[in-house]
């Protein structure tokens, strides 16, 4: 592990915090020294919280240039430890998603990339409030440990080529401080602050490149398509300026991904996908993101070669074997991967009946996610316990025709009282119409 915090080469005259706030408020551009001073002052508590909040709001409204955002990213990255993976010869590429309902691509892409000879150093941070993150899903596997020291993390990467762990507090501590501030001040959607946050953490992990899945829609904190495209451009531009390979896909999050939302239910679906089976939308997203990973890593050159590489590792079982290697390395019971029926099912399963005949016109993915959290799949409850059996499956997608009374989804639950609360969200999530709508494209744009 290394820490690369540096001292300015030339003398820097410290400005007042009020000057910095006013400069950004009026559309001015910070120098690298000023950004370094802001980060240092935030970390050591020198800048008062109210002025830090005012600065975050000024950045939210005035934005930052590409150079400012790159400087912010670098200073955040260097605010703590930076993991050195240079002793690992294989290409080191990570994947990041802005968070999606039912999105279990990381569970598939990490072992898929490992099978293709790519090292994947994945640390998972906190998602927005209604998203179940990858580690919460993996916790459904008995014994799985999501917390590893940075040394153990690097050792596991060298040994098996992949790891999925919780975000290390030693990495980019400035980002953690700013993230809490952004939550309190309503500045979470700030594009330069999102860019700095994500890239500072990902690059501190030792990644040489990054494939980014920027989601937009009712199931994402990014509701506007144009904003999603701008974020994708910002991330790839800053990544390149920091000499890292970077590509982003803008993808649709206006309905859940795959057929299920939950923890154990999504692990089961991921196992299907690792066998080359599963829902078509998830297969498409895994294919497209997987192709980007192997091309970015230099494992495959052409688009055709990348596609063949991804499909081969899914069909020959090598990706599934790597998934078992990862589960075993982090203490998980591999027999649950070999025999998914071992996951304890919910005591009750009931359908959500269609109220009338028609086509599924729209689905509010966030409402489905909130309903699943109420059932017990969310980790924000006071006791911190997650019910891994609950969730929804067999989700009918946009464009599907249903008859009155046919299931729009199957609800897996253990508590009748929680079901009654969750049903309000599930019922309100669906809109039916007499005419078939055009399903939205899953992949909206590629930014490289």
Protein backbone atom coordinates (compact mmCIF):
# COMPACT_ATOMS: atom_id res chain seq x y z
CA UNK A 1 0.00 0.00 0.00
CA UNK A 2 1.20 3.50 -0.71
CA UNK A 3 0.08 6.97 0.22
CA UNK A 4 0.96 9.58 -2.37
CA UNK A 5 -0.14 12.81 -0.68
CA UNK A 6 2.17 15.51 -1.90
CA UNK A 7 3.24 19.04 -0.97
CA UNK A 8 2.97 21.93 -3.44
CA UNK A 9 6.32 22.65 -5.08
CA UNK A 10 5.86 26.43 -4.92
CA UNK A 11 4.68 28.65 -2.09
CA UNK A 12 0.91 28.82 -1.84
CA UNK A 13 -0.79 31.77 -0.17
CA UNK A 14 -3.87 30.43 1.57
CA UNK A 15 -7.08 32.22 0.54
CA UNK A 16 -9.94 32.70 2.96
CA UNK A 17 -12.75 30.15 2.78
CA UNK A 18 -15.16 33.00 2.05
CA UNK A 19 -13.06 33.98 -0.98
CA UNK A 20 -13.19 30.41 -2.30
CA UNK A 21 -16.97 30.20 -1.85
CA UNK A 22 -17.51 33.53 -3.59
CA UNK A 23 -15.11 32.60 -6.40
CA UNK A 24 -17.07 29.45 -7.22
CA UNK A 25 -20.42 31.15 -6.66
CA UNK A 26 -19.48 33.70 -9.32
CA UNK A 27 -18.37 31.02 -11.81
CA UNK A 28 -14.63 31.20 -11.18
CA UNK A 29 -12.28 28.25 -11.69
CA UNK A 30 -10.20 26.81 -8.86
CA UNK A 31 -6.50 26.17 -9.26
CA UNK A 32 -5.09 22.76 -8.29
CA UNK A 33 -3.51 24.36 -5.20
CA UNK A 34 -6.88 25.77 -4.14
CA UNK A 35 -8.56 22.38 -4.58
CA UNK A 36 -5.77 20.72 -2.59
CA UNK A 37 -6.26 23.33 0.16
CA UNK A 38 -10.02 22.70 0.22
CA UNK A 39 -9.52 18.93 0.54
CA UNK A 40 -6.87 19.30 3.27
CA UNK A 41 -9.01 21.82 5.17
CA UNK A 42 -12.06 19.58 4.96
CA UNK A 43 -10.12 16.57 6.23
CA UNK A 44 -8.48 18.28 9.20
CA UNK A 45 -11.65 20.17 10.15
CA UNK A 46 -10.14 23.59 9.50
CA UNK A 47 -12.98 24.60 7.16
CA UNK A 48 -16.21 25.01 9.19
CA UNK A 49 -19.07 22.71 8.19
CA UNK A 50 -21.35 25.58 7.21
CA UNK A 51 -18.75 26.97 4.80
CA UNK A 52 -18.06 23.53 3.37
CA UNK A 53 -21.81 23.18 2.78
CA UNK A 54 -21.91 26.57 1.06
CA UNK A 55 -18.99 25.53 -1.14
CA UNK A 56 -20.75 22.28 -2.13
CA UNK A 57 -23.84 24.25 -3.08
CA UNK A 58 -21.76 26.74 -5.10
CA UNK A 59 -20.18 23.81 -6.99
CA UNK A 60 -23.64 22.31 -7.53
CA UNK A 61 -24.92 25.48 -9.21
CA UNK A 62 -21.76 26.71 -10.96
CA UNK A 63 -20.21 23.38 -11.88
CA UNK A 64 -16.55 22.66 -12.50
CA UNK A 65 -14.40 22.58 -15.62
CA UNK A 66 -12.89 19.32 -16.85
CA UNK A 67 -9.52 20.33 -15.40
CA UNK A 68 -11.03 21.26 -12.03
CA UNK A 69 -12.88 17.94 -11.88
CA UNK A 70 -9.69 16.06 -12.72
CA UNK A 71 -7.79 17.95 -10.01
CA UNK A 72 -10.58 17.28 -7.51
CA UNK A 73 -10.52 13.57 -8.38
CA UNK A 74 -6.75 13.34 -7.97
CA UNK A 75 -6.70 15.19 -4.65
CA UNK A 76 -9.51 13.03 -3.27
CA UNK A 77 -7.71 9.89 -4.46
CA UNK A 78 -4.47 11.01 -2.79
CA UNK A 79 -6.20 11.96 0.50
CA UNK A 80 -5.62 8.41 1.80
CA UNK A 81 -3.94 5.16 0.87
CA UNK A 82 -3.54 4.16 -2.77
CA UNK A 83 -3.30 0.43 -3.34
CA UNK A 84 -0.34 -0.58 -5.49
CA UNK A 85 -1.16 -3.54 -7.72
CA UNK A 86 1.82 -3.09 -10.07
CA UNK A 87 3.19 -6.48 -8.98
CA UNK A 88 0.22 -8.12 -10.75
CA UNK A 89 1.05 -8.46 -14.43
CA UNK A 90 -2.49 -9.01 -15.69
CA UNK A 91 -4.65 -6.03 -16.73
CA UNK A 92 -6.65 -4.58 -13.82
CA UNK A 93 -10.08 -3.32 -14.85
CA UNK A 94 -13.02 -2.52 -12.55
CA UNK A 95 -16.70 -1.99 -13.32
CA UNK A 96 -18.89 0.64 -11.70
CA UNK A 97 -22.64 1.20 -11.86
CA UNK A 98 -24.57 4.20 -10.59
CA UNK A 99 -27.04 1.66 -9.14
CA UNK A 100 -30.01 -0.18 -10.57
CA UNK A 101 -33.06 -2.09 -9.34
CA UNK A 102 -32.53 -5.79 -9.99
CA UNK A 103 -29.06 -5.16 -11.43
CA UNK A 104 -26.92 -8.20 -10.67
CA UNK A 105 -24.38 -7.63 -13.46
CA UNK A 106 -21.41 -7.28 -11.08
CA UNK A 107 -22.09 -10.77 -9.72
CA UNK A 108 -21.64 -12.06 -13.28
CA UNK A 109 -19.07 -9.68 -14.73
CA UNK A 110 -16.42 -10.05 -12.03
CA UNK A 111 -16.04 -13.84 -12.44
CA UNK A 112 -16.51 -13.52 -16.21
CA UNK A 113 -13.62 -11.06 -16.42
CA UNK A 114 -11.52 -13.27 -14.12
CA UNK A 115 -12.11 -16.21 -16.47
CA UNK A 116 -10.91 -14.04 -19.38
CA UNK A 117 -7.63 -13.22 -17.61
CA UNK A 118 -8.62 -9.79 -16.25
CA UNK A 119 -8.04 -8.84 -12.61
CA UNK A 120 -11.07 -7.11 -11.06
CA UNK A 121 -10.44 -5.08 -7.87
CA UNK A 122 -14.02 -4.21 -6.84
CA UNK A 123 -14.90 -2.26 -3.73
CA UNK A 124 -18.57 -1.46 -3.12
CA UNK A 125 -19.71 1.78 -1.57
CA UNK A 126 -23.10 2.83 -0.25
CA UNK A 127 -25.82 2.98 -2.91
CA UNK A 128 -28.76 5.38 -2.88
CA UNK A 129 -31.44 4.47 -0.41
CA UNK A 130 -33.59 1.99 -2.36
CA UNK A 131 -30.83 0.04 -4.11
CA UNK A 132 -29.62 -3.32 -2.75
CA UNK A 133 -25.89 -3.33 -3.38
CA UNK A 134 -23.76 -6.25 -4.56
CA UNK A 135 -22.39 -7.05 -1.09
CA UNK A 136 -25.88 -7.17 0.44
CA UNK A 137 -26.77 -9.75 -2.21
CA UNK A 138 -23.61 -11.78 -1.61
CA UNK A 139 -24.40 -11.80 2.12
CA UNK A 140 -27.20 -14.24 1.26
CA UNK A 141 -24.45 -16.87 0.76
CA UNK A 142 -23.71 -18.30 4.25
CA UNK A 143 -20.26 -17.39 5.52
CA UNK A 144 -19.44 -14.82 2.84
CA UNK A 145 -17.24 -12.02 4.20
CA UNK A 146 -17.37 -8.64 2.53
CA UNK A 147 -14.78 -6.95 4.74
CA UNK A 148 -11.10 -7.56 3.96
CA UNK A 149 -8.01 -5.56 4.85
CA UNK A 150 -6.30 -3.79 1.97
CA UNK A 151 -3.42 -6.26 2.26
CA UNK A 152 -5.78 -9.27 2.07
CA UNK A 153 -7.57 -7.60 -0.84
CA UNK A 154 -4.34 -7.22 -2.84
CA UNK A 155 -3.26 -10.74 -1.94
CA UNK A 156 -6.55 -12.24 -3.11
CA UNK A 157 -6.35 -10.31 -6.38
CA UNK A 158 -2.88 -11.74 -7.02
CA UNK A 159 -4.02 -15.25 -6.10
CA UNK A 160 -7.38 -15.65 -7.90
CA UNK A 161 -7.80 -12.47 -9.95
CA UNK A 162 -10.83 -10.90 -8.32
CA UNK A 163 -12.44 -9.65 -5.12
CA UNK A 164 -15.70 -7.94 -4.16
CA UNK A 165 -15.42 -6.17 -0.81
CA UNK A 166 -16.80 -3.18 1.05
CA UNK A 167 -15.18 0.20 0.52
CA UNK A 168 -12.01 0.62 2.58
CA UNK A 169 -12.08 3.61 4.95
CA UNK A 170 -8.37 4.11 4.31
CA UNK A 171 -9.03 4.88 0.64
CA UNK A 172 -10.13 8.38 -0.42
CA UNK A 173 -11.31 9.52 3.06
CA UNK A 174 -11.98 12.99 1.63
CA UNK A 175 -14.67 11.45 -0.58
CA UNK A 176 -16.40 9.88 2.44
CA UNK A 177 -16.52 13.28 4.13
CA UNK A 178 -17.85 15.01 1.03
CA UNK A 179 -20.40 12.27 0.37
CA UNK A 180 -21.97 12.73 3.82
CA UNK A 181 -22.01 16.48 3.22
CA UNK A 182 -23.67 16.02 -0.18
CA UNK A 183 -26.42 13.89 1.38
CA UNK A 184 -27.12 16.60 3.97
CA UNK A 185 -27.07 19.50 1.52
CA UNK A 186 -29.01 18.05 -1.42
CA UNK A 187 -26.00 18.15 -3.73
CA UNK A 188 -25.79 14.41 -4.50
CA UNK A 189 -26.65 14.99 -8.23
CA UNK A 190 -23.69 17.36 -8.81
CA UNK A 191 -21.87 15.92 -11.84
CA UNK A 192 -18.32 17.02 -10.91
CA UNK A 193 -18.81 15.81 -7.32
CA UNK A 194 -20.17 12.45 -8.53
CA UNK A 195 -17.24 12.13 -10.95
CA UNK A 196 -14.67 12.99 -8.29
CA UNK A 197 -16.30 10.65 -5.79
CA UNK A 198 -16.48 7.59 -8.04
CA UNK A 199 -13.15 7.93 -9.80
CA UNK A 200 -11.15 8.81 -6.67
CA UNK A 201 -12.31 5.59 -5.00
CA UNK A 202 -11.97 3.39 -8.04
CA UNK A 203 -8.50 4.62 -8.96
CA UNK A 204 -7.30 4.34 -5.35
CA UNK A 205 -8.14 0.60 -5.58
CA UNK A 206 -5.39 0.15 -8.13
CA UNK A 207 -7.54 -0.06 -11.26
CA UNK A 208 -5.88 0.69 -14.59
CA UNK A 209 -9.21 1.10 -16.32
CA UNK A 210 -12.88 1.39 -15.61
CA UNK A 211 -16.10 0.37 -17.35
CA UNK A 212 -18.98 2.52 -16.14
CA UNK A 213 -22.70 1.83 -16.32
CA UNK A 214 -24.55 5.15 -15.96
CA UNK A 215 -28.23 4.46 -15.38
CA UNK A 216 -31.05 6.89 -15.93
CA UNK A 217 -34.79 6.73 -15.24
CA UNK A 218 -37.31 6.28 -12.45
CA UNK A 219 -35.19 3.58 -10.79
CA UNK A 220 -32.06 5.75 -10.65
CA UNK A 221 -31.10 8.92 -8.81
CA UNK A 222 -30.44 10.33 -12.31
CA UNK A 223 -33.91 10.98 -13.72
CA UNK A 224 -32.85 12.96 -16.78
CA UNK A 225 -31.31 11.24 -19.81
CA UNK A 226 -29.23 14.23 -20.85
CA UNK A 227 -27.76 14.47 -17.33
CA UNK A 228 -26.81 10.78 -17.52
CA UNK A 229 -25.05 11.38 -20.83
CA UNK A 230 -23.21 14.37 -19.36
CA UNK A 231 -22.08 12.26 -16.38
CA UNK A 232 -20.81 9.53 -18.70
CA UNK A 233 -18.82 12.11 -20.66
CA UNK A 234 -17.47 13.71 -17.50
CA UNK A 235 -16.26 10.39 -16.09
CA UNK A 236 -14.61 9.18 -19.27
CA UNK A 237 -12.99 12.58 -19.90
CA UNK A 238 -11.54 12.80 -16.39
CA UNK A 239 -10.48 9.15 -16.47
CA UNK A 240 -8.53 9.75 -19.66
CA UNK A 241 -6.94 12.93 -18.29
CA UNK A 242 -5.64 10.79 -15.39
CA UNK A 243 -4.19 8.33 -17.94
CA UNK A 244 -6.70 5.59 -17.18
CA UNK A 245 -8.61 3.61 -19.79
CA UNK A 246 -12.28 4.42 -19.42
CA UNK A 247 -15.54 3.71 -21.25
CA UNK A 248 -19.15 4.30 -20.21
CA UNK A 249 -22.53 2.99 -21.29
CA UNK A 250 -25.71 4.93 -20.58
CA UNK A 251 -28.42 2.38 -19.83
CA UNK A 252 -32.14 2.37 -19.12
CA UNK A 253 -33.41 2.08 -15.52
CA UNK A 254 -37.11 2.73 -16.14
CA UNK A 255 -37.99 -0.83 -15.17
CA UNK A 256 -36.24 -3.47 -13.03
CA UNK A 257 -33.41 -5.43 -14.64
CA UNK A 258 -33.91 -9.15 -14.94
CA UNK A 259 -36.80 -11.15 -13.52
CA UNK A 260 -36.13 -10.70 -9.80
CA UNK A 261 -35.37 -8.17 -7.07
CA UNK A 262 -34.07 -9.25 -3.66
CA UNK A 263 -30.89 -10.86 -2.36
CA UNK A 264 -31.00 -14.67 -2.61
CA UNK A 265 -33.40 -14.39 -5.56
CA UNK A 266 -30.85 -12.27 -7.42
CA UNK A 267 -27.99 -14.62 -6.54
CA UNK A 268 -30.02 -17.45 -8.10
CA UNK A 269 -30.57 -15.38 -11.22
CA UNK A 270 -26.85 -14.54 -11.39
CA UNK A 271 -26.05 -18.26 -11.29
CA UNK A 272 -28.42 -18.75 -14.24
CA UNK A 273 -26.63 -15.99 -16.14
CA UNK A 274 -23.25 -17.57 -15.40
CA UNK A 275 -24.58 -20.67 -17.15
CA UNK A 276 -25.49 -18.61 -20.22
CA UNK A 277 -29.19 -18.64 -19.31
CA UNK A 278 -31.50 -16.13 -17.62
CA UNK A 279 -33.56 -13.09 -18.66
CA UNK A 280 -32.85 -11.52 -22.04
CA UNK A 281 -32.27 -7.97 -20.78
CA UNK A 282 -29.69 -9.14 -18.24
CA UNK A 283 -27.99 -11.32 -20.87
CA UNK A 284 -27.76 -8.30 -23.19
CA UNK A 285 -26.33 -6.03 -20.50
CA UNK A 286 -23.82 -8.65 -19.32
CA UNK A 287 -22.72 -9.20 -22.93
CA UNK A 288 -22.28 -5.49 -23.70
CA UNK A 289 -20.48 -4.60 -20.45
CA UNK A 290 -18.40 -7.78 -20.61
CA UNK A 291 -17.28 -6.92 -24.13
CA UNK A 292 -16.20 -3.48 -22.94
CA UNK A 293 -14.16 -5.01 -20.08
CA UNK A 294 -12.23 -7.48 -22.24
CA UNK A 295 -11.58 -4.87 -24.93
CA UNK A 296 -10.43 -2.27 -22.40
CA UNK A 297 -8.12 -4.89 -20.86
CA UNK A 298 -6.64 -5.73 -24.27
CA UNK A 299 -7.73 -9.36 -23.94
CA UNK A 300 -9.85 -9.03 -27.08
CA UNK A 301 -9.23 -6.67 -29.96
CA UNK A 302 -12.25 -6.53 -32.24
CA UNK A 303 -15.92 -6.33 -31.33
CA UNK A 304 -16.44 -9.85 -32.70
CA UNK A 305 -13.52 -11.24 -30.69
CA UNK A 306 -14.83 -9.57 -27.52
CA UNK A 307 -18.30 -11.04 -28.06
CA UNK A 308 -16.90 -14.51 -28.67
CA UNK A 309 -14.73 -14.27 -25.54
CA UNK A 310 -17.69 -13.33 -23.31
CA UNK A 311 -20.00 -15.99 -24.75
CA UNK A 312 -17.33 -18.69 -24.52
CA UNK A 313 -16.66 -18.14 -20.81
CA UNK A 314 -20.39 -18.14 -20.05
CA UNK A 315 -21.09 -21.29 -22.06
CA UNK A 316 -18.10 -23.41 -21.02
CA UNK A 317 -18.63 -22.98 -17.28
CA UNK A 318 -15.33 -21.17 -16.63
CA UNK A 319 -17.05 -17.98 -15.41
CA UNK A 320 -19.18 -20.00 -12.99
CA UNK A 321 -16.06 -21.74 -11.66
CA UNK A 322 -14.42 -18.36 -11.05
CA UNK A 323 -17.53 -17.23 -9.16
CA UNK A 324 -17.13 -20.26 -6.90
CA UNK A 325 -13.44 -19.43 -6.46
CA UNK A 326 -14.37 -15.91 -5.33
CA UNK A 327 -17.11 -17.14 -2.96
CA UNK A 328 -14.74 -19.70 -1.42
CA UNK A 329 -11.87 -17.21 -1.06
CA UNK A 330 -14.14 -14.89 0.94
CA UNK A 331 -15.48 -17.60 3.25
CA UNK A 332 -18.75 -18.39 1.49
CA UNK A 333 -20.37 -21.82 1.27
CA UNK A 334 -19.82 -22.86 -2.36
CA UNK A 335 -22.45 -25.63 -2.10
CA UNK A 336 -25.13 -22.91 -2.36
CA UNK A 337 -23.75 -22.01 -5.79
CA UNK A 338 -23.73 -25.63 -6.91
CA UNK A 339 -27.19 -26.20 -5.42
CA UNK A 340 -29.17 -22.92 -5.40
CA UNK A 341 -32.18 -24.78 -4.02
CA UNK A 342 -30.34 -24.71 -0.66
CA UNK A 343 -31.24 -21.02 -0.23
CA UNK A 344 -34.09 -20.95 2.28
CA UNK A 345 -37.28 -19.91 0.45
CA UNK A 346 -39.84 -17.47 1.81
CA UNK A 347 -42.74 -19.04 3.71
CA UNK A 348 -45.29 -17.44 1.40
CA UNK A 349 -45.49 -16.64 -2.31
CA UNK A 350 -48.43 -14.79 -3.85
CA UNK A 351 -49.06 -13.11 -7.15
CA UNK A 352 -49.70 -9.45 -7.81
CA UNK A 353 -52.76 -9.72 -10.10
CA UNK A 354 -53.23 -7.44 -13.08
CA UNK A 355 -56.24 -5.19 -12.32
CA UNK A 356 -57.39 -5.27 -15.94
CA UNK A 357 -56.50 -6.58 -19.39
CA UNK A 358 -53.86 -4.70 -21.34
CA UNK A 359 -50.18 -4.16 -21.95
CA UNK A 360 -47.62 -3.21 -19.34
CA UNK A 361 -47.07 0.42 -20.32
CA UNK A 362 -44.71 1.66 -17.59
CA UNK A 363 -43.10 0.29 -14.43
CA UNK A 364 -41.73 2.44 -11.62
CA UNK A 365 -38.62 0.50 -10.64
CA UNK A 366 -38.01 2.58 -7.51
CA UNK A 367 -41.46 1.69 -6.15
CA UNK A 368 -40.76 -2.02 -6.63
CA UNK A 369 -37.41 -1.60 -4.87
CA UNK A 370 -39.04 0.23 -1.95
CA UNK A 371 -41.66 -2.50 -1.64
CA UNK A 372 -38.93 -5.16 -1.55
CA UNK A 373 -37.15 -3.20 1.18
CA UNK A 374 -40.34 -3.11 3.23
CA UNK A 375 -40.61 -6.90 2.92
CA UNK A 376 -37.25 -7.10 4.70
CA UNK A 377 -34.56 -7.06 2.00
CA UNK A 378 -33.25 -3.63 3.02
CA UNK A 379 -30.35 -3.25 5.44
CA UNK A 380 -31.42 0.12 6.84
CA UNK A 381 -33.69 -1.36 9.53
CA UNK A 382 -32.78 -0.70 13.21
CA UNK A 383 -31.65 -4.29 13.84
CA UNK A 384 -29.64 -4.30 10.59
CA UNK A 385 -30.94 -7.76 9.70
CA UNK A 386 -31.79 -8.63 6.12
CA UNK A 387 -34.37 -11.25 5.20
CA UNK A 388 -32.61 -12.97 2.30
CA UNK A 389 -35.67 -14.99 1.31
CA UNK A 390 -37.95 -12.09 0.43
CA UNK A 391 -38.30 -10.20 -2.83
CA UNK A 392 -40.16 -10.41 -6.12
CA UNK A 393 -39.70 -12.67 -9.13
CA UNK A 394 -41.21 -13.34 -12.57
CA UNK A 395 -41.54 -9.60 -13.18
CA UNK A 396 -43.62 -8.82 -16.28
CA UNK A 397 -41.81 -6.23 -18.37
CA UNK A 398 -42.86 -3.19 -20.40
CA UNK A 399 -44.64 -4.30 -23.57
CA UNK A 400 -45.93 -7.57 -22.08
CA UNK A 401 -49.63 -8.35 -22.61
CA UNK A 402 -51.57 -9.54 -19.56
CA UNK A 403 -55.13 -10.61 -18.86
CA UNK A 404 -57.06 -9.45 -15.84
CA UNK A 405 -55.97 -11.47 -12.81
CA UNK A 406 -52.74 -12.74 -14.39
CA UNK A 407 -49.62 -12.15 -12.26
CA UNK A 408 -47.59 -9.00 -12.86
CA UNK A 409 -45.00 -10.49 -10.49
CA UNK A 410 -44.67 -13.08 -7.74
CA UNK A 411 -44.12 -11.75 -4.22
CA UNK A 412 -41.96 -13.76 -1.79
CA UNK A 413 -42.63 -12.76 1.83
CA UNK A 414 -42.51 -13.95 5.43
CA UNK A 415 -44.52 -11.27 7.23
CA UNK A 416 -48.18 -10.51 6.42
CA UNK A 417 -48.02 -7.03 7.97
CA UNK A 418 -45.03 -6.09 5.83
CA UNK A 419 -46.76 -7.49 2.77
CA UNK A 420 -49.72 -5.15 3.23
CA UNK A 421 -47.40 -2.14 3.31
CA UNK A 422 -45.36 -3.35 0.35
CA UNK A 423 -48.43 -4.08 -1.78
CA UNK A 424 -49.22 -0.37 -2.06
CA UNK A 425 -45.86 0.21 -3.73
CA UNK A 426 -46.15 -2.84 -5.98
CA UNK A 427 -49.67 -1.95 -7.16
CA UNK A 428 -48.74 1.66 -7.88
CA UNK A 429 -45.58 0.65 -9.74
CA UNK A 430 -47.50 -0.69 -12.76
CA UNK A 431 -49.42 1.20 -15.42
CA UNK A 432 -51.40 -0.81 -17.98
CA UNK A 433 -52.66 0.49 -21.33
CA UNK A 434 -54.78 -0.94 -24.18
CA UNK A 435 -52.06 -0.45 -26.81
CA UNK A 436 -48.63 -2.09 -26.85
CA UNK A 437 -45.92 0.48 -26.04
CA UNK A 438 -42.48 0.46 -27.58
CA UNK A 439 -40.08 -0.89 -24.93
CA UNK A 440 -37.21 1.53 -24.29
CA UNK A 441 -33.73 0.57 -25.56
CA UNK A 442 -31.58 -0.94 -22.83
CA UNK A 443 -28.32 0.57 -24.12
CA UNK A 444 -28.87 4.25 -24.89
CA UNK A 445 -25.37 5.46 -25.66
CA UNK A 446 -21.71 4.42 -25.55
CA UNK A 447 -19.18 7.05 -24.44
CA UNK A 448 -15.48 6.32 -24.92
